[in-house]
Amino acid sequence: MNCEMLADPAIDPVLSEGVMTVRDACRFLSIGRTQLYQLMKSGRLPWVSLGSCRRIPRRAVIQLLADGLVSKS
C-alpha cells in the first residue's frame, strides 16, 4: 500500500483535512518521537497505519492542542 494515499472525505471526516507524518506531527507539537508514540499508544492521539507508515489526522493533532489549552483567570 502506498504511504501517500489520501483518505476519501466522504468515508471519514476526521481524515478530510489530511494526515501528518510522525515527523511532521512532532515538529507541529514541538515534542519528541517517544512522547508522540506514547500519545498514540495511550489512545489520546489517533493514527492510521498505511503499510509500514503511520499517519496522524491533522484534525486530531489540532484537537489535542485545543484540549490542552489552559485559561488564565
N, C-alpha and C. Protein backbone atom coordinates (compact mmCIF):
# COMPACT_ATOMS: atom_id res chain seq x y z
N MET A 1 0.84 -1.18 0.00
CA MET A 1 0.00 0.00 0.00
C MET A 1 0.88 1.24 0.00
N ASN A 2 0.49 2.24 -0.76
CA ASN A 2 1.26 3.46 -0.88
C ASN A 2 1.08 4.34 0.35
N CYS A 3 2.16 4.81 0.93
CA CYS A 3 2.11 5.62 2.14
C CYS A 3 1.56 7.03 1.87
N GLU A 4 1.48 7.42 0.63
CA GLU A 4 0.99 8.74 0.30
C GLU A 4 -0.51 8.74 -0.04
N MET A 5 -1.18 7.61 0.16
CA MET A 5 -2.59 7.50 -0.15
C MET A 5 -3.39 8.46 0.72
N LEU A 6 -4.33 9.18 0.11
CA LEU A 6 -5.15 10.12 0.85
C LEU A 6 -6.51 9.52 1.15
N ALA A 7 -7.10 9.92 2.26
CA ALA A 7 -8.40 9.41 2.66
C ALA A 7 -9.51 10.11 1.88
N ASP A 8 -10.57 9.39 1.63
CA ASP A 8 -11.75 9.94 0.99
C ASP A 8 -12.57 10.65 2.05
N PRO A 9 -12.80 11.99 1.92
CA PRO A 9 -13.53 12.74 2.94
C PRO A 9 -14.94 12.20 3.18
N ALA A 10 -15.53 11.57 2.19
CA ALA A 10 -16.87 11.02 2.37
C ALA A 10 -16.85 9.82 3.31
N ILE A 11 -15.70 9.15 3.42
CA ILE A 11 -15.59 7.97 4.28
C ILE A 11 -15.36 8.37 5.72
N ASP A 12 -14.47 9.28 5.98
CA ASP A 12 -14.16 9.67 7.35
C ASP A 12 -13.83 11.16 7.42
N PRO A 13 -14.73 11.96 8.02
CA PRO A 13 -14.47 13.40 8.09
C PRO A 13 -13.25 13.77 8.93
N VAL A 14 -12.83 12.91 9.87
CA VAL A 14 -11.63 13.19 10.67
C VAL A 14 -10.40 13.26 9.77
N LEU A 15 -10.40 12.46 8.72
CA LEU A 15 -9.26 12.43 7.81
C LEU A 15 -9.38 13.43 6.66
N SER A 16 -10.51 14.13 6.58
CA SER A 16 -10.77 15.01 5.45
C SER A 16 -9.79 16.17 5.35
N GLU A 17 -9.20 16.56 6.47
CA GLU A 17 -8.23 17.66 6.46
C GLU A 17 -6.81 17.17 6.22
N GLY A 18 -6.67 15.90 5.97
CA GLY A 18 -5.37 15.34 5.66
C GLY A 18 -4.71 14.69 6.86
N VAL A 19 -3.57 14.10 6.60
CA VAL A 19 -2.83 13.41 7.64
C VAL A 19 -1.40 13.93 7.67
N MET A 20 -0.74 13.71 8.81
CA MET A 20 0.63 14.15 9.00
C MET A 20 1.52 12.93 9.22
N THR A 21 2.76 13.07 8.86
CA THR A 21 3.73 12.04 9.21
C THR A 21 4.07 12.17 10.69
N VAL A 22 4.71 11.16 11.23
CA VAL A 22 5.16 11.23 12.63
C VAL A 22 6.12 12.41 12.79
N ARG A 23 7.01 12.57 11.85
CA ARG A 23 7.98 13.67 11.92
C ARG A 23 7.28 15.03 11.91
N ASP A 24 6.30 15.20 11.01
CA ASP A 24 5.57 16.46 10.93
C ASP A 24 4.78 16.74 12.20
N ALA A 25 4.14 15.71 12.76
CA ALA A 25 3.37 15.87 13.99
C ALA A 25 4.29 16.27 15.14
N CYS A 26 5.46 15.66 15.23
CA CYS A 26 6.43 16.02 16.27
C CYS A 26 6.84 17.49 16.15
N ARG A 27 7.12 17.91 14.93
CA ARG A 27 7.51 19.31 14.71
C ARG A 27 6.38 20.25 15.08
N PHE A 28 5.16 19.92 14.64
CA PHE A 28 4.00 20.77 14.90
C PHE A 28 3.72 20.90 16.39
N LEU A 29 3.85 19.80 17.13
CA LEU A 29 3.58 19.79 18.56
C LEU A 29 4.79 20.16 19.41
N SER A 30 5.95 20.26 18.79
CA SER A 30 7.21 20.55 19.49
C SER A 30 7.49 19.51 20.57
N ILE A 31 7.34 18.24 20.21
CA ILE A 31 7.64 17.14 21.12
C ILE A 31 8.51 16.12 20.38
N GLY A 32 9.09 15.21 21.14
CA GLY A 32 9.91 14.17 20.54
C GLY A 32 9.07 12.98 20.10
N ARG A 33 9.72 12.09 19.36
CA ARG A 33 9.05 10.90 18.84
C ARG A 33 8.54 10.00 19.97
N THR A 34 9.33 9.86 21.04
CA THR A 34 8.92 9.00 22.16
C THR A 34 7.62 9.48 22.75
N GLN A 35 7.52 10.78 23.00
CA GLN A 35 6.29 11.32 23.58
C GLN A 35 5.12 11.17 22.61
N LEU A 36 5.36 11.37 21.33
CA LEU A 36 4.29 11.21 20.34
C LEU A 36 3.80 9.77 20.31
N TYR A 37 4.73 8.82 20.30
CA TYR A 37 4.33 7.41 20.30
C TYR A 37 3.58 7.05 21.58
N GLN A 38 3.92 7.66 22.70
CA GLN A 38 3.19 7.43 23.95
C GLN A 38 1.75 7.94 23.83
N LEU A 39 1.57 9.10 23.22
CA LEU A 39 0.23 9.63 23.00
C LEU A 39 -0.58 8.70 22.09
N MET A 40 0.08 8.16 21.09
CA MET A 40 -0.60 7.24 20.16
C MET A 40 -0.96 5.93 20.88
N LYS A 41 -0.02 5.41 21.66
CA LYS A 41 -0.24 4.14 22.36
C LYS A 41 -1.36 4.25 23.40
N SER A 42 -1.43 5.40 24.07
CA SER A 42 -2.43 5.61 25.11
C SER A 42 -3.83 5.86 24.54
N GLY A 43 -3.91 6.13 23.25
CA GLY A 43 -5.20 6.39 22.63
C GLY A 43 -5.58 7.86 22.62
N ARG A 44 -4.72 8.72 23.17
CA ARG A 44 -5.01 10.16 23.17
C ARG A 44 -4.85 10.78 21.80
N LEU A 45 -4.08 10.13 20.94
CA LEU A 45 -3.86 10.63 19.59
C LEU A 45 -4.10 9.50 18.60
N PRO A 46 -5.19 9.57 17.84
CA PRO A 46 -5.48 8.50 16.89
C PRO A 46 -4.50 8.52 15.72
N TRP A 47 -4.33 7.38 15.12
CA TRP A 47 -3.43 7.26 13.98
C TRP A 47 -3.91 6.13 13.08
N VAL A 48 -3.39 6.11 11.88
CA VAL A 48 -3.73 5.07 10.92
C VAL A 48 -2.43 4.49 10.37
N SER A 49 -2.44 3.20 10.16
CA SER A 49 -1.28 2.53 9.58
C SER A 49 -1.53 2.31 8.10
N LEU A 50 -0.64 2.84 7.28
CA LEU A 50 -0.71 2.64 5.83
C LEU A 50 0.53 1.86 5.43
N GLY A 51 0.39 0.55 5.41
CA GLY A 51 1.55 -0.30 5.17
C GLY A 51 2.48 -0.20 6.36
N SER A 52 3.71 0.20 6.12
CA SER A 52 4.66 0.35 7.22
C SER A 52 4.72 1.78 7.74
N CYS A 53 3.85 2.65 7.23
CA CYS A 53 3.84 4.06 7.62
C CYS A 53 2.70 4.35 8.58
N ARG A 54 2.96 5.22 9.55
CA ARG A 54 1.91 5.70 10.44
C ARG A 54 1.59 7.13 10.07
N ARG A 55 0.31 7.43 10.03
CA ARG A 55 -0.15 8.78 9.74
C ARG A 55 -1.13 9.21 10.81
N ILE A 56 -1.07 10.49 11.16
CA ILE A 56 -1.91 11.05 12.21
C ILE A 56 -2.81 12.10 11.56
N PRO A 57 -4.13 12.01 11.80
CA PRO A 57 -5.02 13.02 11.23
C PRO A 57 -4.68 14.42 11.74
N ARG A 58 -4.56 15.36 10.81
CA ARG A 58 -4.23 16.74 11.17
C ARG A 58 -5.25 17.30 12.18
N ARG A 59 -6.51 16.98 11.99
CA ARG A 59 -7.56 17.45 12.89
C ARG A 59 -7.32 16.94 14.32
N ALA A 60 -6.85 15.70 14.45
CA ALA A 60 -6.60 15.12 15.78
C ALA A 60 -5.44 15.82 16.48
N VAL A 61 -4.43 16.21 15.73
CA VAL A 61 -3.28 16.92 16.31
C VAL A 61 -3.73 18.29 16.82
N ILE A 62 -4.53 18.99 16.03
CA ILE A 62 -5.03 20.30 16.43
C ILE A 62 -5.96 20.16 17.64
N GLN A 63 -6.80 19.13 17.65
CA GLN A 63 -7.71 18.90 18.77
C GLN A 63 -6.93 18.59 20.05
N LEU A 64 -5.85 17.85 19.94
CA LEU A 64 -5.01 17.55 21.10
C LEU A 64 -4.49 18.84 21.72
N LEU A 65 -4.05 19.77 20.89
CA LEU A 65 -3.58 21.06 21.38
C LEU A 65 -4.73 21.84 22.02
N ALA A 66 -5.87 21.87 21.36
CA ALA A 66 -7.01 22.62 21.88
C ALA A 66 -7.47 22.06 23.22
N ASP A 67 -7.45 20.75 23.38
CA ASP A 67 -7.85 20.13 24.65
C ASP A 67 -6.89 20.48 25.79
N GLY A 68 -5.66 20.81 25.45
CA GLY A 68 -4.67 21.13 26.47
C GLY A 68 -4.55 22.61 26.79
N LEU A 69 -5.37 23.45 26.14
CA LEU A 69 -5.30 24.87 26.40
C LEU A 69 -5.69 25.18 27.85
N VAL A 70 -4.95 26.07 28.45
CA VAL A 70 -5.21 26.48 29.83
C VAL A 70 -5.59 27.95 29.79
N SER A 71 -6.69 28.27 30.44
CA SER A 71 -7.15 29.66 30.50
C SER A 71 -6.74 30.27 31.84
N LYS A 72 -6.10 31.42 31.77
CA LYS A 72 -5.73 32.14 33.00
C LYS A 72 -6.91 32.97 33.44
N SER A 73 -7.26 32.83 34.69
CA SER A 73 -8.40 33.60 35.22
C SER A 73 -7.93 34.69 36.14
